[in-house]
Amino acid sequence: MAAARRRVAAMMGTVALLAAVVLTGTATGAAAAATEASSAARVGGWTCPGTPVPDGYVITAYDRNGCSGRGAWLQQPVRDGIWTCSGSPIVSGYVITMYDRNGCSGIGAWYHRLARDGIWTCGGSPIVSGYVVTQYDRNGCSGIGAWYHQLVRNGIWTCPGSPIPPGYRSTTYNATGCNGLGAWYTIRA
Protein backbone atom coordinates (compact mmCIF):
# COMPACT_ATOMS: atom_id res chain seq x y z
CA MET A 1 0.00 0.00 0.00
CA ALA A 2 2.84 2.42 0.89
CA ALA A 3 4.56 1.68 -2.41
CA ALA A 4 1.37 2.50 -4.31
CA ARG A 5 1.04 5.83 -2.47
CA ARG A 6 4.65 6.76 -3.34
CA ARG A 7 4.02 5.98 -7.04
CA VAL A 8 0.84 8.08 -7.06
CA ALA A 9 2.67 10.98 -5.33
CA ALA A 10 5.53 10.75 -7.83
CA MET A 11 3.09 10.77 -10.78
CA MET A 12 1.23 13.77 -9.34
CA GLY A 13 4.53 15.62 -8.91
CA THR A 14 5.47 14.87 -12.53
CA VAL A 15 2.06 16.08 -13.76
CA ALA A 16 2.40 19.30 -11.71
CA LEU A 17 5.89 19.93 -13.13
CA LEU A 18 4.72 19.34 -16.72
CA ALA A 19 1.74 21.66 -16.17
CA ALA A 20 4.03 24.38 -14.82
CA VAL A 21 6.31 24.06 -17.85
CA VAL A 22 3.37 24.18 -20.29
CA LEU A 23 1.72 27.14 -18.55
CA THR A 24 4.87 29.22 -18.13
CA GLY A 25 6.81 28.17 -21.21
CA THR A 26 9.87 27.69 -19.02
CA ALA A 27 11.35 24.83 -21.01
CA THR A 28 10.95 26.65 -24.32
CA GLY A 29 12.24 29.93 -22.90
CA ALA A 30 15.25 28.23 -21.32
CA ALA A 31 16.12 26.46 -24.58
CA ALA A 32 15.81 29.73 -26.52
CA ALA A 33 17.93 31.57 -23.96
CA ALA A 34 20.60 28.83 -24.14
CA THR A 35 20.69 29.13 -27.93
CA GLU A 36 20.90 32.94 -27.72
CA ALA A 37 23.59 32.68 -25.04
CA SER A 38 25.81 30.34 -27.02
CA SER A 39 25.70 32.47 -30.16
CA ALA A 40 26.18 35.71 -28.20
CA ALA A 41 29.13 34.29 -26.27
CA ARG A 42 30.98 33.76 -29.55
CA VAL A 43 30.52 37.25 -30.95
CA GLY A 44 29.24 39.55 -28.21
CA GLY A 45 26.54 41.92 -29.37
CA TRP A 46 23.05 42.32 -27.90
CA THR A 47 22.10 39.55 -25.48
CA CYS A 48 19.17 38.60 -23.26
CA PRO A 49 19.18 38.41 -19.45
CA GLY A 50 21.12 35.45 -18.10
CA THR A 51 23.51 35.25 -21.02
CA PRO A 52 27.07 34.78 -19.72
CA VAL A 53 29.53 37.54 -20.54
CA PRO A 54 32.50 36.01 -22.41
CA ASP A 55 36.02 36.44 -21.02
CA GLY A 56 37.48 39.76 -22.15
CA TYR A 57 34.03 41.32 -22.73
CA VAL A 58 32.05 43.91 -20.77
CA ILE A 59 28.43 45.12 -20.84
CA THR A 60 28.25 48.61 -22.38
CA ALA A 61 24.55 49.39 -22.96
CA TYR A 62 21.07 48.40 -21.81
CA ASP A 63 17.81 48.41 -23.79
CA ARG A 64 14.74 48.06 -21.54
CA ASN A 65 12.58 46.94 -24.47
CA GLY A 66 14.93 44.31 -25.88
CA CYS A 67 14.42 40.53 -25.64
CA SER A 68 10.61 40.78 -25.78
CA GLY A 69 10.48 43.30 -22.96
CA ARG A 70 12.87 41.46 -20.63
CA GLY A 71 15.69 43.91 -21.41
CA ALA A 72 18.82 43.40 -23.51
CA TRP A 73 22.51 43.96 -22.79
CA LEU A 74 25.22 44.96 -25.28
CA GLN A 75 28.42 42.93 -24.79
CA GLN A 76 31.64 44.31 -26.32
CA PRO A 77 35.35 43.52 -26.01
CA VAL A 78 37.00 45.48 -23.20
CA ARG A 79 39.38 48.33 -24.07
CA ASP A 80 41.04 51.17 -22.18
CA GLY A 81 38.58 54.02 -21.69
CA ILE A 82 35.23 52.22 -22.08
CA TRP A 83 32.03 52.95 -20.14
CA THR A 84 30.31 49.83 -18.77
CA CYS A 85 26.95 49.22 -17.11
CA SER A 86 26.56 48.48 -13.42
CA GLY A 87 26.86 44.73 -13.01
CA SER A 88 29.34 44.32 -15.85
CA PRO A 89 32.41 42.24 -15.06
CA ILE A 90 35.69 44.07 -14.53
CA VAL A 91 38.31 42.39 -16.71
CA SER A 92 41.62 41.47 -15.09
CA GLY A 93 44.15 44.32 -15.33
CA TYR A 94 41.44 47.00 -15.44
CA VAL A 95 40.14 49.36 -12.77
CA ILE A 96 37.08 51.62 -12.58
CA THR A 97 37.85 55.33 -12.43
CA MET A 98 34.57 57.26 -12.84
CA TYR A 99 30.87 56.73 -12.13
CA ASP A 100 27.81 58.14 -13.93
CA ARG A 101 24.52 57.56 -12.05
CA ASN A 102 22.50 58.15 -15.23
CA GLY A 103 24.57 56.00 -17.59
CA CYS A 104 23.33 52.76 -19.19
CA SER A 105 19.73 53.94 -19.46
CA GLY A 106 19.64 54.98 -15.82
CA ILE A 107 21.12 51.90 -14.13
CA GLY A 108 24.55 53.52 -13.71
CA ALA A 109 27.83 53.28 -15.64
CA TRP A 110 31.50 52.82 -14.72
CA TYR A 111 34.56 53.99 -16.69
CA HIS A 112 37.18 51.25 -17.17
CA ARG A 113 40.88 52.01 -17.51
CA LEU A 114 43.97 49.86 -17.62
CA ALA A 115 45.71 49.98 -14.25
CA ARG A 116 48.73 52.29 -14.09
CA ASP A 117 50.83 54.00 -11.43
CA GLY A 118 49.15 57.11 -10.01
CA ILE A 119 45.52 56.45 -10.98
CA TRP A 120 42.45 57.31 -8.89
CA THR A 121 39.88 54.50 -8.76
CA CYS A 122 36.32 54.30 -7.45
CA GLY A 123 35.34 52.48 -4.27
CA GLY A 124 34.76 48.83 -5.19
CA SER A 125 37.34 48.81 -7.97
CA PRO A 126 39.77 45.90 -7.87
CA ILE A 127 43.36 46.54 -6.82
CA VAL A 128 45.61 45.03 -9.48
CA SER A 129 48.50 42.85 -8.33
CA GLY A 130 51.63 44.88 -7.51
CA TYR A 131 49.66 48.00 -6.61
CA VAL A 132 48.78 49.49 -3.23
CA VAL A 133 46.28 52.17 -2.18
CA THR A 134 47.96 55.29 -0.78
CA GLN A 135 45.29 58.03 -0.52
CA TYR A 136 41.53 58.42 -0.17
CA ASP A 137 39.09 61.10 -1.40
CA ARG A 138 35.58 60.90 0.14
CA ASN A 139 34.08 62.96 -2.68
CA GLY A 140 35.70 61.16 -5.61
CA CYS A 141 33.75 59.11 -8.17
CA SER A 142 30.57 61.18 -7.86
CA GLY A 143 30.52 60.83 -4.07
CA ILE A 144 31.23 57.10 -3.90
CA GLY A 145 34.80 57.70 -2.79
CA ALA A 146 38.08 57.26 -4.66
CA TRP A 147 41.39 55.55 -3.90
CA TYR A 148 44.84 56.46 -5.27
CA HIS A 149 46.73 53.47 -6.65
CA GLN A 150 50.51 53.30 -6.84
CA LEU A 151 53.01 50.58 -7.61
CA VAL A 152 54.39 49.20 -4.36
CA ARG A 153 57.86 50.38 -3.33
CA ASN A 154 59.94 50.56 -0.19
CA GLY A 155 58.82 53.36 2.17
CA ILE A 156 55.28 53.93 0.87
CA TRP A 157 52.30 54.72 3.13
CA THR A 158 49.26 52.46 2.52
CA CYS A 159 45.59 52.90 3.41
CA PRO A 160 43.29 50.46 5.22
CA GLY A 161 42.24 47.61 2.95
CA SER A 162 45.30 47.97 0.74
CA PRO A 163 46.97 44.69 -0.09
CA ILE A 164 50.53 44.25 1.14
CA PRO A 165 52.32 42.46 -1.71
CA PRO A 166 54.66 39.55 -0.99
CA GLY A 167 58.10 40.75 0.10
CA TYR A 168 56.71 43.80 1.96
CA ARG A 169 55.42 44.43 5.48
CA SER A 170 53.69 47.24 7.33
CA THR A 171 55.38 48.91 10.29
CA THR A 172 54.55 52.37 11.66
CA TYR A 173 50.93 53.59 11.89
CA ASN A 174 49.80 57.20 11.26
CA ALA A 175 46.21 57.90 12.41
CA THR A 176 45.83 60.97 10.14
CA GLY A 177 47.03 59.25 6.95
CA CYS A 178 44.73 58.47 4.03
CA ASN A 179 42.52 61.47 4.70
CA GLY A 180 41.90 60.46 8.32
CA LEU A 181 41.37 56.74 7.77
CA GLY A 182 44.87 55.91 8.99
CA ALA A 183 47.94 54.69 7.10
CA TRP A 184 50.74 52.17 7.54
CA TYR A 185 54.35 52.63 6.52
CA THR A 186 55.24 49.78 4.17
CA ILE A 187 58.79 48.55 3.73
CA ARG A 188 60.54 45.76 1.93
CA ALA A 189 60.69 42.71 4.23
C-alpha atoms as a PDB file:
ATOM      1  CA  MET A   1       0.000   0.000   0.000  1.00  0.00           C
ATOM      2  CA  ALA A   2       2.841   2.420   0.890  1.00  0.00           C
ATOM      3  CA  ALA A   3       4.560   1.680  -2.406  1.00  0.00           C
ATOM      4  CA  ALA A   4       1.372   2.505  -4.307  1.00  0.00           C
ATOM      5  CA  ARG A   5       1.041   5.834  -2.466  1.00  0.00           C
ATOM      6  CA  ARG A   6       4.645   6.762  -3.344  1.00  0.00           C
ATOM      7  CA  ARG A   7       4.016   5.977  -7.038  1.00  0.00           C
ATOM      8  CA  VAL A   8       0.841   8.079  -7.059  1.00  0.00           C
ATOM      9  CA  ALA A   9       2.668  10.978  -5.334  1.00  0.00           C
ATOM     10  CA  ALA A  10       5.529  10.745  -7.835  1.00  0.00           C
ATOM     11  CA  MET A  11       3.088  10.765 -10.776  1.00  0.00           C
ATOM     12  CA  MET A  12       1.231  13.774  -9.344  1.00  0.00           C
ATOM     13  CA  GLY A  13       4.532  15.622  -8.913  1.00  0.00           C
ATOM     14  CA  THR A  14       5.466  14.865 -12.534  1.00  0.00           C
ATOM     15  CA  VAL A  15       2.062  16.081 -13.759  1.00  0.00           C
ATOM     16  CA  ALA A  16       2.402  19.297 -11.714  1.00  0.00           C
ATOM     17  CA  LEU A  17       5.889  19.928 -13.129  1.00  0.00           C
ATOM     18  CA  LEU A  18       4.722  19.344 -16.720  1.00  0.00           C
ATOM     19  CA  ALA A  19       1.742  21.658 -16.169  1.00  0.00           C
ATOM     20  CA  ALA A  20       4.030  24.379 -14.823  1.00  0.00           C
ATOM     21  CA  VAL A  21       6.310  24.063 -17.850  1.00  0.00           C
ATOM     22  CA  VAL A  22       3.371  24.181 -20.293  1.00  0.00           C
ATOM     23  CA  LEU A  23       1.721  27.139 -18.550  1.00  0.00           C
ATOM     24  CA  THR A  24       4.873  29.223 -18.127  1.00  0.00           C
ATOM     25  CA  GLY A  25       6.813  28.172 -21.212  1.00  0.00           C
ATOM     26  CA  THR A  26       9.872  27.695 -19.015  1.00  0.00           C
ATOM     27  CA  ALA A  27      11.350  24.830 -21.006  1.00  0.00           C
ATOM     28  CA  THR A  28      10.955  26.647 -24.325  1.00  0.00           C
ATOM     29  CA  GLY A  29      12.236  29.926 -22.900  1.00  0.00           C
ATOM     30  CA  ALA A  30      15.251  28.228 -21.319  1.00  0.00           C
ATOM     31  CA  ALA A  31      16.115  26.464 -24.576  1.00  0.00           C
ATOM     32  CA  ALA A  32      15.809  29.726 -26.521  1.00  0.00           C
ATOM     33  CA  ALA A  33      17.933  31.567 -23.958  1.00  0.00           C
ATOM     34  CA  ALA A  34      20.597  28.832 -24.142  1.00  0.00           C
ATOM     35  CA  THR A  35      20.693  29.132 -27.935  1.00  0.00           C
ATOM     36  CA  GLU A  36      20.902  32.939 -27.721  1.00  0.00           C
ATOM     37  CA  ALA A  37      23.591  32.675 -25.043  1.00  0.00           C
ATOM     38  CA  SER A  38      25.814  30.338 -27.022  1.00  0.00           C
ATOM     39  CA  SER A  39      25.696  32.475 -30.163  1.00  0.00           C
ATOM     40  CA  ALA A  40      26.184  35.706 -28.198  1.00  0.00           C
ATOM     41  CA  ALA A  41      29.134  34.294 -26.271  1.00  0.00           C
ATOM     42  CA  ARG A  42      30.983  33.765 -29.546  1.00  0.00           C
ATOM     43  CA  VAL A  43      30.520  37.247 -30.948  1.00  0.00           C
ATOM     44  CA  GLY A  44      29.235  39.548 -28.208  1.00  0.00           C
ATOM     45  CA  GLY A  45      26.537  41.920 -29.372  1.00  0.00           C
ATOM     46  CA  TRP A  46      23.048  42.316 -27.901  1.00  0.00           C
ATOM     47  CA  THR A  47      22.099  39.545 -25.475  1.00  0.00           C
ATOM     48  CA  CYS A  48      19.165  38.600 -23.260  1.00  0.00           C
ATOM     49  CA  PRO A  49      19.183  38.412 -19.454  1.00  0.00           C
ATOM     50  CA  GLY A  50      21.118  35.446 -18.100  1.00  0.00           C
ATOM     51  CA  THR A  51      23.513  35.245 -21.022  1.00  0.00           C
ATOM     52  CA  PRO A  52      27.069  34.782 -19.718  1.00  0.00           C
ATOM     53  CA  VAL A  53      29.533  37.544 -20.543  1.00  0.00           C
ATOM     54  CA  PRO A  54      32.505  36.007 -22.413  1.00  0.00           C
ATOM     55  CA  ASP A  55      36.020  36.440 -21.023  1.00  0.00           C
ATOM     56  CA  GLY A  56      37.477  39.765 -22.147  1.00  0.00           C
ATOM     57  CA  TYR A  57      34.027  41.316 -22.730  1.00  0.00           C
ATOM     58  CA  VAL A  58      32.046  43.912 -20.774  1.00  0.00           C
ATOM     59  CA  ILE A  59      28.432  45.123 -20.843  1.00  0.00           C
ATOM     60  CA  THR A  60      28.245  48.606 -22.375  1.00  0.00           C
ATOM     61  CA  ALA A  61      24.547  49.392 -22.958  1.00  0.00           C
ATOM     62  CA  TYR A  62      21.072  48.404 -21.806  1.00  0.00           C
ATOM     63  CA  ASP A  63      17.812  48.412 -23.794  1.00  0.00           C
ATOM     64  CA  ARG A  64      14.745  48.065 -21.542  1.00  0.00           C
ATOM     65  CA  ASN A  65      12.578  46.938 -24.474  1.00  0.00           C
ATOM     66  CA  GLY A  66      14.931  44.309 -25.875  1.00  0.00           C
ATOM     67  CA  CYS A  67      14.424  40.533 -25.644  1.00  0.00           C
ATOM     68  CA  SER A  68      10.614  40.775 -25.778  1.00  0.00           C
ATOM     69  CA  GLY A  69      10.478  43.302 -22.958  1.00  0.00           C
ATOM     70  CA  ARG A  70      12.872  41.462 -20.625  1.00  0.00           C
ATOM     71  CA  GLY A  71      15.689  43.908 -21.411  1.00  0.00           C
ATOM     72  CA  ALA A  72      18.816  43.402 -23.509  1.00  0.00           C
ATOM     73  CA  TRP A  73      22.510  43.963 -22.792  1.00  0.00           C
ATOM     74  CA  LEU A  74      25.223  44.955 -25.282  1.00  0.00           C
ATOM     75  CA  GLN A  75      28.421  42.933 -24.793  1.00  0.00           C
ATOM     76  CA  GLN A  76      31.638  44.306 -26.315  1.00  0.00           C
ATOM     77  CA  PRO A  77      35.353  43.516 -26.012  1.00  0.00           C
ATOM     78  CA  VAL A  78      36.997  45.483 -23.200  1.00  0.00           C
ATOM     79  CA  ARG A  79      39.383  48.331 -24.066  1.00  0.00           C
ATOM     80  CA  ASP A  80      41.040  51.166 -22.180  1.00  0.00           C
ATOM     81  CA  GLY A  81      38.577  54.021 -21.688  1.00  0.00           C
ATOM     82  CA  ILE A  82      35.230  52.222 -22.079  1.00  0.00           C
ATOM     83  CA  TRP A  83      32.030  52.949 -20.139  1.00  0.00           C
ATOM     84  CA  THR A  84      30.308  49.829 -18.771  1.00  0.00           C
ATOM     85  CA  CYS A  85      26.948  49.217 -17.115  1.00  0.00           C
ATOM     86  CA  SER A  86      26.565  48.479 -13.422  1.00  0.00           C
ATOM     87  CA  GLY A  87      26.860  44.726 -13.008  1.00  0.00           C
ATOM     88  CA  SER A  88      29.342  44.324 -15.846  1.00  0.00           C
ATOM     89  CA  PRO A  89      32.413  42.236 -15.062  1.00  0.00           C
ATOM     90  CA  ILE A  90      35.691  44.070 -14.526  1.00  0.00           C
ATOM     91  CA  VAL A  91      38.309  42.393 -16.713  1.00  0.00           C
ATOM     92  CA  SER A  92      41.624  41.472 -15.087  1.00  0.00           C
ATOM     93  CA  GLY A  93      44.154  44.322 -15.331  1.00  0.00           C
ATOM     94  CA  TYR A  94      41.438  46.997 -15.441  1.00  0.00           C
ATOM     95  CA  VAL A  95      40.138  49.360 -12.767  1.00  0.00           C
ATOM     96  CA  ILE A  96      37.078  51.619 -12.583  1.00  0.00           C
ATOM     97  CA  THR A  97      37.854  55.328 -12.432  1.00  0.00           C
ATOM     98  CA  MET A  98      34.568  57.261 -12.838  1.00  0.00           C
ATOM     99  CA  TYR A  99      30.871  56.725 -12.135  1.00  0.00           C
ATOM    100  CA  ASP A 100      27.811  58.138 -13.925  1.00  0.00           C
ATOM    101  CA  ARG A 101      24.520  57.564 -12.054  1.00  0.00           C
ATOM    102  CA  ASN A 102      22.504  58.146 -15.233  1.00  0.00           C
ATOM    103  CA  GLY A 103      24.574  55.996 -17.586  1.00  0.00           C
ATOM    104  CA  CYS A 104      23.329  52.762 -19.190  1.00  0.00           C
ATOM    105  CA  SER A 105      19.726  53.943 -19.461  1.00  0.00           C
ATOM    106  CA  GLY A 106      19.635  54.984 -15.816  1.00  0.00           C
ATOM    107  CA  ILE A 107      21.123  51.905 -14.127  1.00  0.00           C
ATOM    108  CA  GLY A 108      24.553  53.523 -13.712  1.00  0.00           C
ATOM    109  CA  ALA A 109      27.827  53.280 -15.637  1.00  0.00           C
ATOM    110  CA  TRP A 110      31.496  52.824 -14.718  1.00  0.00           C
ATOM    111  CA  TYR A 111      34.558  53.986 -16.688  1.00  0.00           C
ATOM    112  CA  HIS A 112      37.177  51.248 -17.173  1.00  0.00           C
ATOM    113  CA  ARG A 113      40.879  52.013 -17.511  1.00  0.00           C
ATOM    114  CA  LEU A 114      43.971  49.860 -17.622  1.00  0.00           C
ATOM    115  CA  ALA A 115      45.713  49.977 -14.245  1.00  0.00           C
ATOM    116  CA  ARG A 116      48.727  52.291 -14.087  1.00  0.00           C
ATOM    117  CA  ASP A 117      50.826  53.996 -11.432  1.00  0.00           C
ATOM    118  CA  GLY A 118      49.146  57.107 -10.010  1.00  0.00           C
ATOM    119  CA  ILE A 119      45.520  56.450 -10.981  1.00  0.00           C
ATOM    120  CA  TRP A 120      42.449  57.314  -8.885  1.00  0.00           C
ATOM    121  CA  THR A 121      39.878  54.502  -8.758  1.00  0.00           C
ATOM    122  CA  CYS A 122      36.316  54.297  -7.452  1.00  0.00           C
ATOM    123  CA  GLY A 123      35.338  52.481  -4.273  1.00  0.00           C
ATOM    124  CA  GLY A 124      34.756  48.829  -5.192  1.00  0.00           C
ATOM    125  CA  SER A 125      37.344  48.810  -7.967  1.00  0.00           C
ATOM    126  CA  PRO A 126      39.771  45.897  -7.875  1.00  0.00           C
ATOM    127  CA  ILE A 127      43.359  46.539  -6.822  1.00  0.00           C
ATOM    128  CA  VAL A 128      45.612  45.032  -9.478  1.00  0.00           C
ATOM    129  CA  SER A 129      48.502  42.846  -8.333  1.00  0.00           C
ATOM    130  CA  GLY A 130      51.634  44.876  -7.511  1.00  0.00           C
ATOM    131  CA  TYR A 131      49.662  48.000  -6.612  1.00  0.00           C
ATOM    132  CA  VAL A 132      48.781  49.493  -3.228  1.00  0.00           C
ATOM    133  CA  VAL A 133      46.282  52.167  -2.179  1.00  0.00           C
ATOM    134  CA  THR A 134      47.963  55.290  -0.782  1.00  0.00           C
ATOM    135  CA  GLN A 135      45.286  58.026  -0.518  1.00  0.00           C
ATOM    136  CA  TYR A 136      41.526  58.416  -0.165  1.00  0.00           C
ATOM    137  CA  ASP A 137      39.092  61.100  -1.397  1.00  0.00           C
ATOM    138  CA  ARG A 138      35.585  60.902   0.140  1.00  0.00           C
ATOM    139  CA  ASN A 139      34.076  62.962  -2.684  1.00  0.00           C
ATOM    140  CA  GLY A 140      35.698  61.160  -5.607  1.00  0.00           C
ATOM    141  CA  CYS A 141      33.753  59.114  -8.171  1.00  0.00           C
ATOM    142  CA  SER A 142      30.568  61.179  -7.857  1.00  0.00           C
ATOM    143  CA  GLY A 143      30.521  60.834  -4.074  1.00  0.00           C
ATOM    144  CA  ILE A 144      31.227  57.097  -3.900  1.00  0.00           C
ATOM    145  CA  GLY A 145      34.803  57.696  -2.788  1.00  0.00           C
ATOM    146  CA  ALA A 146      38.078  57.265  -4.662  1.00  0.00           C
ATOM    147  CA  TRP A 147      41.390  55.546  -3.899  1.00  0.00           C
ATOM    148  CA  TYR A 148      44.836  56.462  -5.265  1.00  0.00           C
ATOM    149  CA  HIS A 149      46.727  53.468  -6.654  1.00  0.00           C
ATOM    150  CA  GLN A 150      50.510  53.303  -6.842  1.00  0.00           C
ATOM    151  CA  LEU A 151      53.012  50.577  -7.612  1.00  0.00           C
ATOM    152  CA  VAL A 152      54.386  49.201  -4.356  1.00  0.00           C
ATOM    153  CA  ARG A 153      57.856  50.378  -3.334  1.00  0.00           C
ATOM    154  CA  ASN A 154      59.942  50.556  -0.188  1.00  0.00           C
ATOM    155  CA  GLY A 155      58.822  53.359   2.168  1.00  0.00           C
ATOM    156  CA  ILE A 156      55.277  53.929   0.868  1.00  0.00           C
ATOM    157  CA  TRP A 157      52.305  54.719   3.133  1.00  0.00           C
ATOM    158  CA  THR A 158      49.261  52.464   2.515  1.00  0.00           C
ATOM    159  CA  CYS A 159      45.588  52.903   3.409  1.00  0.00           C
ATOM    160  CA  PRO A 160      43.291  50.462   5.222  1.00  0.00           C
ATOM    161  CA  GLY A 161      42.239  47.615   2.948  1.00  0.00           C
ATOM    162  CA  SER A 162      45.299  47.971   0.743  1.00  0.00           C
ATOM    163  CA  PRO A 163      46.974  44.690  -0.086  1.00  0.00           C
ATOM    164  CA  ILE A 164      50.528  44.247   1.136  1.00  0.00           C
ATOM    165  CA  PRO A 165      52.318  42.457  -1.709  1.00  0.00           C
ATOM    166  CA  PRO A 166      54.659  39.549  -0.986  1.00  0.00           C
ATOM    167  CA  GLY A 167      58.099  40.748   0.096  1.00  0.00           C
ATOM    168  CA  TYR A 168      56.715  43.800   1.958  1.00  0.00           C
ATOM    169  CA  ARG A 169      55.416  44.426   5.479  1.00  0.00           C
ATOM    170  CA  SER A 170      53.687  47.237   7.329  1.00  0.00           C
ATOM    171  CA  THR A 171      55.384  48.913  10.287  1.00  0.00           C
ATOM    172  CA  THR A 172      54.546  52.371  11.664  1.00  0.00           C
ATOM    173  CA  TYR A 173      50.934  53.593  11.887  1.00  0.00           C
ATOM    174  CA  ASN A 174      49.798  57.201  11.260  1.00  0.00           C
ATOM    175  CA  ALA A 175      46.206  57.904  12.408  1.00  0.00           C
ATOM    176  CA  THR A 176      45.828  60.965  10.140  1.00  0.00           C
ATOM    177  CA  GLY A 177      47.027  59.251   6.945  1.00  0.00           C
ATOM    178  CA  CYS A 178      44.727  58.466   4.026  1.00  0.00           C
ATOM    179  CA  ASN A 179      42.519  61.474   4.705  1.00  0.00           C
ATOM    180  CA  GLY A 180      41.898  60.460   8.317  1.00  0.00           C
ATOM    181  CA  LEU A 181      41.372  56.744   7.773  1.00  0.00           C
ATOM    182  CA  GLY A 182      44.871  55.907   8.991  1.00  0.00           C
ATOM    183  CA  ALA A 183      47.939  54.690   7.100  1.00  0.00           C
ATOM    184  CA  TRP A 184      50.737  52.167   7.540  1.00  0.00           C
ATOM    185  CA  TYR A 185      54.355  52.627   6.520  1.00  0.00           C
ATOM    186  CA  THR A 186      55.235  49.777   4.168  1.00  0.00           C
ATOM    187  CA  ILE A 187      58.786  48.547   3.729  1.00  0.00           C
ATOM    188  CA  ARG A 188      60.545  45.755   1.935  1.00  0.00           C
ATOM    189  CA  ALA A 189      60.688  42.709   4.229  1.00  0.00           C
END
